[in-house]
PDB file of N, CA and C in Angstrom:
ATOM      1  N   MET A   1      90.240 122.030 133.687  1.00  0.00           N
ATOM      2  CA  MET A   1      89.682 122.755 132.555  1.00  0.00           C
ATOM      3  C   MET A   1      90.777 123.521 131.801  1.00  0.00           C
ATOM      4  N   LEU A   2      91.687 124.145 132.544  1.00  0.00           N
ATOM      5  CA  LEU A   2      92.782 124.889 131.915  1.00  0.00           C
ATOM      6  C   LEU A   2      93.663 123.958 131.082  1.00  0.00           C
ATOM      7  N   MET A   3      93.871 122.745 131.584  1.00  0.00           N
ATOM      8  CA  MET A   3      94.680 121.773 130.832  1.00  0.00           C
ATOM      9  C   MET A   3      94.015 121.423 129.500  1.00  0.00           C
ATOM     10  N   SER A   4      92.693 121.368 129.469  1.00  0.00           N
ATOM     11  CA  SER A   4      91.997 121.065 128.225  1.00  0.00           C
ATOM     12  C   SER A   4      92.252 122.140 127.183  1.00  0.00           C
ATOM     13  N   TRP A   5      92.257 123.392 127.607  1.00  0.00           N
ATOM     14  CA  TRP A   5      92.557 124.483 126.675  1.00  0.00           C
ATOM     15  C   TRP A   5      94.005 124.407 126.194  1.00  0.00           C
ATOM     16  N   LEU A   6      94.898 124.053 127.100  1.00  0.00           N
ATOM     17  CA  LEU A   6      96.295 123.884 126.718  1.00  0.00           C
ATOM     18  C   LEU A   6      96.439 122.752 125.697  1.00  0.00           C
ATOM     19  N   PHE A   7      95.747 121.628 125.952  1.00  0.00           N
ATOM     20  CA  PHE A   7      95.760 120.513 124.998  1.00  0.00           C
ATOM     21  C   PHE A   7      95.229 120.958 123.637  1.00  0.00           C
ATOM     22  N   LEU A   8      94.173 121.761 123.636  1.00  0.00           N
ATOM     23  CA  LEU A   8      93.598 122.224 122.376  1.00  0.00           C
ATOM     24  C   LEU A   8      94.608 123.056 121.595  1.00  0.00           C
ATOM     25  N   PHE A   9      95.256 123.992 122.252  1.00  0.00           N
ATOM     26  CA  PHE A   9      96.204 124.860 121.557  1.00  0.00           C
ATOM     27  C   PHE A   9      97.473 124.114 121.129  1.00  0.00           C
ATOM     28  N   ILE A  10      97.914 123.152 121.928  1.00  0.00           N
ATOM     29  CA  ILE A  10      99.039 122.310 121.504  1.00  0.00           C
ATOM     30  C   ILE A  10      98.630 121.500 120.277  1.00  0.00           C
ATOM     31  N   GLY A  11      97.411 120.981 120.307  1.00  0.00           N
ATOM     32  CA  GLY A  11      96.906 120.221 119.161  1.00  0.00           C
ATOM     33  C   GLY A  11      96.851 121.056 117.896  1.00  0.00           C
ATOM     34  N   ILE A  12      96.451 122.307 118.013  1.00  0.00           N
ATOM     35  CA  ILE A  12      96.409 123.199 116.855  1.00  0.00           C
ATOM     36  C   ILE A  12      97.819 123.412 116.300  1.00  0.00           C
ATOM     37  N   VAL A  13      98.778 123.642 117.186  1.00  0.00           N
ATOM     38  CA  VAL A  13     100.165 123.841 116.738  1.00  0.00           C
ATOM     39  C   VAL A  13     100.687 122.583 116.044  1.00  0.00           C
ATOM     40  N   LEU A  14     100.392 121.414 116.601  1.00  0.00           N
ATOM     41  CA  LEU A  14     100.818 120.158 115.979  1.00  0.00           C
ATOM     42  C   LEU A  14     100.152 119.968 114.620  1.00  0.00           C
ATOM     43  N   GLU A  15      98.883 120.341 114.524  1.00  0.00           N
ATOM     44  CA  GLU A  15      98.173 120.235 113.252  1.00  0.00           C
ATOM     45  C   GLU A  15      98.793 121.165 112.214  1.00  0.00           C
ATOM     46  N   LEU A  16      99.227 122.341 112.641  1.00  0.00           N
ATOM     47  CA  LEU A  16      99.928 123.258 111.734  1.00  0.00           C
ATOM     48  C   LEU A  16     101.225 122.633 111.234  1.00  0.00           C
ATOM     49  N   GLY A  17     101.928 121.951 112.122  1.00  0.00           N
ATOM     50  CA  GLY A  17     103.139 121.239 111.712  1.00  0.00           C
ATOM     51  C   GLY A  17     102.821 120.173 110.678  1.00  0.00           C
ATOM     52  N   GLY A  18     101.731 119.443 110.888  1.00  0.00           N
ATOM     53  CA  GLY A  18     101.330 118.418 109.938  1.00  0.00           C
ATOM     54  C   GLY A  18     100.960 118.992 108.587  1.00  0.00           C
ATOM     55  N   THR A  19     100.233 120.086 108.594  1.00  0.00           N
ATOM     56  CA  THR A  19      99.822 120.712 107.341  1.00  0.00           C
ATOM     57  C   THR A  19     101.020 121.284 106.595  1.00  0.00           C
ATOM     58  N   THR A  20     101.933 121.892 107.327  1.00  0.00           N
ATOM     59  CA  THR A  20     103.150 122.419 106.707  1.00  0.00           C
ATOM     60  C   THR A  20     103.975 121.279 106.108  1.00  0.00           C
ATOM     61  N   CYS A  21     104.104 120.182 106.850  1.00  0.00           N
ATOM     62  CA  CYS A  21     104.845 119.033 106.327  1.00  0.00           C
ATOM     63  C   CYS A  21     104.143 118.418 105.121  1.00  0.00           C
ATOM     64  N   MET A  22     102.812 118.501 105.087  1.00  0.00           N
ATOM     65  CA  MET A  22     102.085 118.004 103.924  1.00  0.00           C
ATOM     66  C   MET A  22     102.535 118.740 102.669  1.00  0.00           C
ATOM     67  N   LYS A  23     102.650 120.054 102.774  1.00  0.00           N
ATOM     68  CA  LYS A  23     103.123 120.860 101.653  1.00  0.00           C
ATOM     69  C   LYS A  23     104.571 120.501 101.308  1.00  0.00           C
ATOM     70  N   LEU A  24     105.398 120.355 102.337  1.00  0.00           N
ATOM     71  CA  LEU A  24     106.813 120.061 102.124  1.00  0.00           C
ATOM     72  C   LEU A  24     107.056 118.643 101.591  1.00  0.00           C
ATOM     73  N   SER A  25     106.091 117.733 101.793  1.00  0.00           N
ATOM     74  CA  SER A  25     106.268 116.345 101.351  1.00  0.00           C
ATOM     75  C   SER A  25     106.183 116.199  99.836  1.00  0.00           C
ATOM     76  N   GLU A  26     105.667 117.231  99.172  1.00  0.00           N
ATOM     77  CA  GLU A  26     105.534 117.228  97.713  1.00  0.00           C
ATOM     78  C   GLU A  26     104.850 115.956  97.228  1.00  0.00           C
ATOM     79  N   GLY A  27     103.643 115.726  97.775  1.00  0.00           N
ATOM     80  CA  GLY A  27     102.856 114.564  97.353  1.00  0.00           C
ATOM     81  C   GLY A  27     103.468 113.245  97.766  1.00  0.00           C
ATOM     82  N   PHE A  28     103.984 113.160  98.956  1.00  0.00           N
ATOM     83  CA  PHE A  28     104.637 111.976  99.521  1.00  0.00           C
ATOM     84  C   PHE A  28     105.925 111.597  98.786  1.00  0.00           C
ATOM     85  N   SER A  29     106.506 112.500  98.021  1.00  0.00           N
ATOM     86  CA  SER A  29     107.747 112.179  97.310  1.00  0.00           C
ATOM     87  C   SER A  29     108.989 112.442  98.169  1.00  0.00           C
ATOM     88  N   ARG A  30     108.821 113.113  99.290  1.00  0.00           N
ATOM     89  CA  ARG A  30     109.928 113.352 100.221  1.00  0.00           C
ATOM     90  C   ARG A  30     109.591 112.647 101.526  1.00  0.00           C
ATOM     91  N   ILE A  31     110.434 111.702 101.911  1.00  0.00           N
ATOM     92  CA  ILE A  31     110.126 110.791 103.017  1.00  0.00           C
ATOM     93  C   ILE A  31     110.061 111.481 104.387  1.00  0.00           C
ATOM     94  N   LEU A  32     111.034 112.327 104.703  1.00  0.00           N
ATOM     95  CA  LEU A  32     111.067 112.925 106.045  1.00  0.00           C
ATOM     96  C   LEU A  32     109.835 113.807 106.314  1.00  0.00           C
ATOM     97  N   PRO A  33     109.486 114.728 105.421  1.00  0.00           N
ATOM     98  CA  PRO A  33     108.263 115.493 105.677  1.00  0.00           C
ATOM     99  C   PRO A  33     107.005 114.619 105.675  1.00  0.00           C
ATOM    100  N   SER A  34     107.003 113.551 104.907  1.00  0.00           N
ATOM    101  CA  SER A  34     105.841 112.652 104.870  1.00  0.00           C
ATOM    102  C   SER A  34     105.653 111.946 106.211  1.00  0.00           C
ATOM    103  N   VAL A  35     106.743 111.429 106.766  1.00  0.00           N
ATOM    104  CA  VAL A  35     106.678 110.768 108.069  1.00  0.00           C
ATOM    105  C   VAL A  35     106.338 111.778 109.161  1.00  0.00           C
ATOM    106  N   ALA A  36     106.958 112.959 109.100  1.00  0.00           N
ATOM    107  CA  ALA A  36     106.674 114.004 110.100  1.00  0.00           C
ATOM    108  C   ALA A  36     105.204 114.408 110.046  1.00  0.00           C
ATOM    109  N   MET A  37     104.639 114.505 108.840  1.00  0.00           N
ATOM    110  CA  MET A  37     103.235 114.863 108.691  1.00  0.00           C
ATOM    111  C   MET A  37     102.343 113.877 109.439  1.00  0.00           C
ATOM    112  N   ILE A  38     102.586 112.591 109.251  1.00  0.00           N
ATOM    113  CA  ILE A  38     101.771 111.560 109.912  1.00  0.00           C
ATOM    114  C   ILE A  38     101.908 111.659 111.427  1.00  0.00           C
ATOM    115  N   LEU A  39     103.123 111.848 111.906  1.00  0.00           N
ATOM    116  CA  LEU A  39     103.340 111.960 113.351  1.00  0.00           C
ATOM    117  C   LEU A  39     102.685 113.212 113.929  1.00  0.00           C
ATOM    118  N   PHE A  40     102.818 114.333 113.225  1.00  0.00           N
ATOM    119  CA  PHE A  40     102.176 115.569 113.691  1.00  0.00           C
ATOM    120  C   PHE A  40     100.655 115.405 113.751  1.00  0.00           C
ATOM    121  N   TYR A  41     100.062 114.836 112.699  1.00  0.00           N
ATOM    122  CA  TYR A  41      98.613 114.676 112.684  1.00  0.00           C
ATOM    123  C   TYR A  41      98.129 113.712 113.765  1.00  0.00           C
ATOM    124  N   MET A  42      98.822 112.616 113.960  1.00  0.00           N
ATOM    125  CA  MET A  42      98.420 111.678 115.018  1.00  0.00           C
ATOM    126  C   MET A  42      98.493 112.353 116.388  1.00  0.00           C
ATOM    127  N   SER A  43      99.572 113.087 116.626  1.00  0.00           N
ATOM    128  CA  SER A  43      99.731 113.786 117.908  1.00  0.00           C
ATOM    129  C   SER A  43      98.672 114.864 118.085  1.00  0.00           C
ATOM    130  N   SER A  44      98.366 115.580 117.001  1.00  0.00           N
ATOM    131  CA  SER A  44      97.382 116.658 117.111  1.00  0.00           C
ATOM    132  C   SER A  44      95.998 116.106 117.440  1.00  0.00           C
ATOM    133  N   LEU A  45      95.632 114.988 116.825  1.00  0.00           N
ATOM    134  CA  LEU A  45      94.330 114.388 117.127  1.00  0.00           C
ATOM    135  C   LEU A  45      94.286 113.843 118.546  1.00  0.00           C
ATOM    136  N   GLY A  46      95.422 113.361 119.039  1.00  0.00           N
ATOM    137  CA  GLY A  46      95.490 112.940 120.435  1.00  0.00           C
ATOM    138  C   GLY A  46      95.245 114.105 121.384  1.00  0.00           C
ATOM    139  N   MET A  47      95.847 115.245 121.086  1.00  0.00           N
ATOM    140  CA  MET A  47      95.643 116.439 121.916  1.00  0.00           C
ATOM    141  C   MET A  47      94.188 116.914 121.845  1.00  0.00           C
ATOM    142  N   LEU A  48      93.602 116.880 120.650  1.00  0.00           N
ATOM    143  CA  LEU A  48      92.191 117.273 120.504  1.00  0.00           C
ATOM    144  C   LEU A  48      91.303 116.349 121.333  1.00  0.00           C
ATOM    145  N   THR A  49      91.589 115.070 121.318  1.00  0.00           N
ATOM    146  CA  THR A  49      90.812 114.106 122.101  1.00  0.00           C
ATOM    147  C   THR A  49      90.882 114.432 123.583  1.00  0.00           C
ATOM    148  N   LEU A  50      92.069 114.767 124.070  1.00  0.00           N
ATOM    149  CA  LEU A  50      92.213 115.138 125.483  1.00  0.00           C
ATOM    150  C   LEU A  50      91.486 116.444 125.789  1.00  0.00           C
ATOM    151  N   ALA A  51      91.520 117.385 124.858  1.00  0.00           N
ATOM    152  CA  ALA A  51      90.837 118.669 125.066  1.00  0.00           C
ATOM    153  C   ALA A  51      89.330 118.480 125.177  1.00  0.00           C
ATOM    154  N   LEU A  52      88.801 117.525 124.426  1.00  0.00           N
ATOM    155  CA  LEU A  52      87.348 117.306 124.417  1.00  0.00           C
ATOM    156  C   LEU A  52      86.817 116.738 125.726  1.00  0.00           C
ATOM    157  N   LYS A  53      87.713 116.401 126.616  1.00  0.00           N
ATOM    158  CA  LYS A  53      87.287 115.899 127.930  1.00  0.00           C
ATOM    159  C   LYS A  53      86.507 116.970 128.697  1.00  0.00           C
ATOM    160  N   HIS A  54      86.891 118.259 128.516  1.00  0.00           N
ATOM    161  CA  HIS A  54      86.236 119.339 129.257  1.00  0.00           C
ATOM    162  C   HIS A  54      85.751 120.491 128.394  1.00  0.00           C
ATOM    163  N   ILE A  55      86.005 120.457 127.112  1.00  0.00           N
ATOM    164  CA  ILE A  55      85.550 121.521 126.217  1.00  0.00           C
ATOM    165  C   ILE A  55      84.483 120.931 125.300  1.00  0.00           C
ATOM    166  N   PRO A  56      83.339 121.595 125.148  1.00  0.00           N
ATOM    167  CA  PRO A  56      82.309 121.070 124.248  1.00  0.00           C
ATOM    168  C   PRO A  56      82.842 120.908 122.820  1.00  0.00           C
ATOM    169  N   LEU A  57      82.381 119.881 122.152  1.00  0.00           N
ATOM    170  CA  LEU A  57      82.849 119.566 120.804  1.00  0.00           C
ATOM    171  C   LEU A  57      82.679 120.740 119.850  1.00  0.00           C
ATOM    172  N   ASN A  58      81.505 121.390 119.870  1.00  0.00           N
ATOM    173  CA  ASN A  58      81.274 122.480 118.913  1.00  0.00           C
ATOM    174  C   ASN A  58      82.220 123.652 119.138  1.00  0.00           C
ATOM    175  N   VAL A  59      82.538 123.942 120.371  1.00  0.00           N
ATOM    176  CA  VAL A  59      83.460 125.037 120.683  1.00  0.00           C
ATOM    177  C   VAL A  59      84.886 124.644 120.306  1.00  0.00           C
ATOM    178  N   ALA A  60      85.302 123.452 120.729  1.00  0.00           N
ATOM    179  CA  ALA A  60      86.668 123.003 120.444  1.00  0.00           C
ATOM    180  C   ALA A  60      86.919 122.924 118.942  1.00  0.00           C
ATOM    181  N   TYR A  61      85.971 122.365 118.201  1.00  0.00           N
ATOM    182  CA  TYR A  61      86.200 122.202 116.771  1.00  0.00           C
ATOM    183  C   TYR A  61      86.140 123.534 116.034  1.00  0.00           C
ATOM    184  N   ALA A  62      85.292 124.443 116.480  1.00  0.00           N
ATOM    185  CA  ALA A  62      85.250 125.770 115.859  1.00  0.00           C
ATOM    186  C   ALA A  62      86.585 126.486 116.055  1.00  0.00           C
ATOM    187  N   ILE A  63      87.127 126.410 117.253  1.00  0.00           N
ATOM    188  CA  ILE A  63      88.421 127.043 117.523  1.00  0.00           C
ATOM    189  C   ILE A  63      89.524 126.320 116.765  1.00  0.00           C
ATOM    190  N   TRP A  64      89.495 124.986 116.779  1.00  0.00           N
ATOM    191  CA  TRP A  64      90.482 124.162 116.070  1.00  0.00           C
ATOM    192  C   TRP A  64      90.532 124.526 114.594  1.00  0.00           C
ATOM    193  N   SER A  65      89.369 124.521 113.964  1.00  0.00           N
ATOM    194  CA  SER A  65      89.344 124.757 112.513  1.00  0.00           C
ATOM    195  C   SER A  65      89.569 126.232 112.182  1.00  0.00           C
ATOM    196  N   GLY A  66      88.980 127.133 112.945  1.00  0.00           N
ATOM    197  CA  GLY A  66      89.123 128.559 112.663  1.00  0.00           C
ATOM    198  C   GLY A  66      90.532 129.073 112.892  1.00  0.00           C
ATOM    199  N   LEU A  67      91.077 128.775 114.052  1.00  0.00           N
ATOM    200  CA  LEU A  67      92.437 129.230 114.354  1.00  0.00           C
ATOM    201  C   LEU A  67      93.452 128.511 113.465  1.00  0.00           C
ATOM    202  N   GLY A  68      93.212 127.219 113.232  1.00  0.00           N
ATOM    203  CA  GLY A  68      94.092 126.474 112.336  1.00  0.00           C
ATOM    204  C   GLY A  68      94.091 127.053 110.932  1.00  0.00           C
ATOM    205  N   THR A  69      92.897 127.395 110.428  1.00  0.00           N
ATOM    206  CA  THR A  69      92.799 127.994 109.101  1.00  0.00           C
ATOM    207  C   THR A  69      93.530 129.324 109.046  1.00  0.00           C
ATOM    208  N   LEU A  70      93.296 130.164 110.030  1.00  0.00           N
ATOM    209  CA  LEU A  70      93.965 131.463 110.080  1.00  0.00           C
ATOM    210  C   LEU A  70      95.480 131.302 110.065  1.00  0.00           C
ATOM    211  N   LEU A  71      95.995 130.430 110.910  1.00  0.00           N
ATOM    212  CA  LEU A  71      97.437 130.273 111.021  1.00  0.00           C
ATOM    213  C   LEU A  71      98.051 129.613 109.783  1.00  0.00           C
ATOM    214  N   VAL A  72      97.321 128.684 109.155  1.00  0.00           N
ATOM    215  CA  VAL A  72      97.819 128.078 107.917  1.00  0.00           C
ATOM    216  C   VAL A  72      97.886 129.120 106.807  1.00  0.00           C
ATOM    217  N   VAL A  73      96.910 130.005 106.768  1.00  0.00           N
ATOM    218  CA  VAL A  73      96.947 131.074 105.767  1.00  0.00           C
ATOM    219  C   VAL A  73      98.154 131.979 106.006  1.00  0.00           C
ATOM    220  N   VAL A  74      98.417 132.315 107.255  1.00  0.00           N
ATOM    221  CA  VAL A  74      99.592 133.145 107.580  1.00  0.00           C
ATOM    222  C   VAL A  74     100.877 132.419 107.173  1.00  0.00           C
ATOM    223  N   ILE A  75     100.975 131.123 107.473  1.00  0.00           N
ATOM    224  CA  ILE A  75     102.155 130.350 107.074  1.00  0.00           C
ATOM    225  C   ILE A  75     102.287 130.356 105.548  1.00  0.00           C
ATOM    226  N   GLY A  76     101.175 130.193 104.852  1.00  0.00           N
ATOM    227  CA  GLY A  76     101.200 130.230 103.387  1.00  0.00           C
ATOM    228  C   GLY A  76     101.698 131.558 102.858  1.00  0.00           C
ATOM    229  N   PHE A  77     101.218 132.644 103.443  1.00  0.00           N
ATOM    230  CA  PHE A  77     101.644 133.981 103.008  1.00  0.00           C
ATOM    231  C   PHE A  77     103.133 134.196 103.279  1.00  0.00           C
ATOM    232  N   VAL A  78     103.555 133.878 104.507  1.00  0.00           N
ATOM    233  CA  VAL A  78     104.906 134.211 104.954  1.00  0.00           C
ATOM    234  C   VAL A  78     105.949 133.219 104.427  1.00  0.00           C
ATOM    235  N   TRP A  79     105.702 131.926 104.632  1.00  0.00           N
ATOM    236  CA  TRP A  79     106.714 130.921 104.335  1.00  0.00           C
ATOM    237  C   TRP A  79     106.710 130.480 102.874  1.00  0.00           C
ATOM    238  N   PHE A  80     105.495 130.264 102.331  1.00  0.00           N
ATOM    239  CA  PHE A  80     105.403 129.746 100.964  1.00  0.00           C
ATOM    240  C   PHE A  80     105.127 130.836  99.927  1.00  0.00           C
ATOM    241  N   HIS A  81     105.085 132.080 100.378  1.00  0.00           N
ATOM    242  CA  HIS A  81     104.915 133.243  99.503  1.00  0.00           C
ATOM    243  C   HIS A  81     103.661 133.142  98.621  1.00  0.00           C
ATOM    244  N   GLU A  82     102.573 132.658  99.214  1.00  0.00           N
ATOM    245  CA  GLU A  82     101.304 132.568  98.498  1.00  0.00           C
ATOM    246  C   GLU A  82     100.685 133.959  98.407  1.00  0.00           C
ATOM    247  N   ALA A  83      99.860 134.143  97.416  1.00  0.00           N
ATOM    248  CA  ALA A  83      99.273 135.462  97.147  1.00  0.00           C
ATOM    249  C   ALA A  83      98.353 135.915  98.277  1.00  0.00           C
ATOM    250  N   VAL A  84      98.417 137.207  98.576  1.00  0.00           N
ATOM    251  CA  VAL A  84      97.531 137.843  99.538  1.00  0.00           C
ATOM    252  C   VAL A  84      96.569 138.720  98.743  1.00  0.00           C
ATOM    253  N   SER A  85      95.277 138.587  99.051  1.00  0.00           N
ATOM    254  CA  SER A  85      94.295 139.418  98.356  1.00  0.00           C
ATOM    255  C   SER A  85      93.237 139.873  99.350  1.00  0.00           C
ATOM    256  N   LEU A  86      92.535 140.918  98.992  1.00  0.00           N
ATOM    257  CA  LEU A  86      91.478 141.429  99.862  1.00  0.00           C
ATOM    258  C   LEU A  86      90.377 140.391 100.095  1.00  0.00           C
ATOM    259  N   PRO A  87      89.915 139.675  99.064  1.00  0.00           N
ATOM    260  CA  PRO A  87      88.902 138.646  99.332  1.00  0.00           C
ATOM    261  C   PRO A  87      89.389 137.560 100.298  1.00  0.00           C
ATOM    262  N   LYS A  88      90.659 137.161 100.193  1.00  0.00           N
ATOM    263  CA  LYS A  88      91.198 136.167 101.136  1.00  0.00           C
ATOM    264  C   LYS A  88      91.187 136.720 102.553  1.00  0.00           C
ATOM    265  N   LEU A  89      91.653 137.954 102.721  1.00  0.00           N
ATOM    266  CA  LEU A  89      91.696 138.553 104.057  1.00  0.00           C
ATOM    267  C   LEU A  89      90.298 138.732 104.634  1.00  0.00           C
ATOM    268  N   ALA A  90      89.340 139.139 103.791  1.00  0.00           N
ATOM    269  CA  ALA A  90      87.952 139.289 104.246  1.00  0.00           C
ATOM    270  C   ALA A  90      87.373 137.940 104.659  1.00  0.00           C
ATOM    271  N   SER A  91      87.685 136.907 103.915  1.00  0.00           N
ATOM    272  CA  SER A  91      87.189 135.570 104.239  1.00  0.00           C
ATOM    273  C   SER A  91      87.755 135.070 105.559  1.00  0.00           C
ATOM    274  N   ILE A  92      89.024 135.335 105.799  1.00  0.00           N
ATOM    275  CA  ILE A  92      89.647 134.952 107.079  1.00  0.00           C
ATOM    276  C   ILE A  92      88.968 135.690 108.225  1.00  0.00           C
ATOM    277  N   LEU A  93      88.675 136.966 108.024  1.00  0.00           N
ATOM    278  CA  LEU A  93      87.980 137.745 109.045  1.00  0.00           C
ATOM    279  C   LEU A  93      86.619 137.126 109.359  1.00  0.00           C
ATOM    280  N   LEU A  94      85.906 136.684 108.337  1.00  0.00           N
ATOM    281  CA  LEU A  94      84.607 136.040 108.557  1.00  0.00           C
ATOM    282  C   LEU A  94      84.748 134.739 109.346  1.00  0.00           C
ATOM    283  N   ILE A  95      85.802 133.975 109.071  1.00  0.00           N
ATOM    284  CA  ILE A  95      86.041 132.748 109.836  1.00  0.00           C
ATOM    285  C   ILE A  95      86.282 133.083 111.303  1.00  0.00           C
ATOM    286  N   ILE A  96      87.105 134.093 111.549  1.00  0.00           N
ATOM    287  CA  ILE A  96      87.400 134.502 112.932  1.00  0.00           C
ATOM    288  C   ILE A  96      86.124 134.954 113.637  1.00  0.00           C
ATOM    289  N   LEU A  97      85.310 135.741 112.949  1.00  0.00           N
ATOM    290  CA  LEU A  97      84.051 136.196 113.537  1.00  0.00           C
ATOM    291  C   LEU A  97      83.122 135.012 113.834  1.00  0.00           C
ATOM    292  N   GLY A  98      83.120 134.020 112.964  1.00  0.00           N
ATOM    293  CA  GLY A  98      82.308 132.824 113.198  1.00  0.00           C
ATOM    294  C   GLY A  98      82.759 132.056 114.425  1.00  0.00           C
ATOM    295  N   VAL A  99      84.062 131.921 114.602  1.00  0.00           N
ATOM    296  CA  VAL A  99      84.593 131.224 115.783  1.00  0.00           C
ATOM    297  C   VAL A  99      84.238 131.995 117.042  1.00  0.00           C
ATOM    298  N   ILE A 100      84.382 133.301 117.001  1.00  0.00           N
ATOM    299  CA  ILE A 100      84.022 134.121 118.167  1.00  0.00           C
ATOM    300  C   ILE A 100      82.534 133.972 118.460  1.00  0.00           C
ATOM    301  N   GLY A 101      81.714 133.966 117.414  1.00  0.00           N
ATOM    302  CA  GLY A 101      80.274 133.805 117.603  1.00  0.00           C
ATOM    303  C   GLY A 101      79.921 132.475 118.252  1.00  0.00           C
ATOM    304  N   VAL A 102      80.558 131.401 117.827  1.00  0.00           N
ATOM    305  CA  VAL A 102      80.299 130.091 118.424  1.00  0.00           C
ATOM    306  C   VAL A 102      80.705 130.102 119.898  1.00  0.00           C
ATOM    307  N   ARG A 103      81.848 130.664 120.181  1.00  0.00           N
ATOM    308  CA  ARG A 103      82.344 130.681 121.560  1.00  0.00           C
ATOM    309  C   ARG A 103      81.451 131.535 122.468  1.00  0.00           C
ATOM    310  N   LEU A 104      81.008 132.675 121.972  1.00  0.00           N
ATOM    311  CA  LEU A 104      80.192 133.568 122.791  1.00  0.00           C
ATOM    312  C   LEU A 104      78.747 133.113 122.922  1.00  0.00           C
ATOM    313  N   SER A 105      78.323 132.204 122.066  1.00  0.00           N
ATOM    314  CA  SER A 105      76.927 131.763 122.105  1.00  0.00           C
ATOM    315  C   SER A 105      76.651 130.804 123.267  1.00  0.00           C
ATOM    316  N   GLY A 106      77.672 130.466 124.001  1.00  0.00           N
ATOM    317  CA  GLY A 106      77.485 129.622 125.184  1.00  0.00           C
ATOM    318  C   GLY A 106      78.142 128.278 125.009  1.00  0.00           C
ATOM    319  N   THR A 107      78.464 127.657 126.151  1.00  0.00           N
ATOM    320  CA  THR A 107      79.134 126.365 126.112  1.00  0.00           C
ATOM    321  C   THR A 107      78.214 125.243 126.441  1.00  0.00           C
TER     322      THR A 107
END
């Protein structure tokens, strides 16, 4: 069971790499980030598949999408200097609360 959680979190990190490379690929005009994006996404989905062996789909996907969204927003703010606003921060908080709610509602 612990390995499934590890697979899930590795998958999230790989998905973040894929999303970051998507931005860096500039619409597939840069080859290295484009290839890296495909490899990161394939690897991340492989990790998610392994995680689903022992984690319920609704819990795994809520954590995958919620934590992934939160971390992509942080990467956008820090690395790509995207705008930070109160509505964005409030929306992220709601996503986090939703993920916590799904997890606490039972497996």
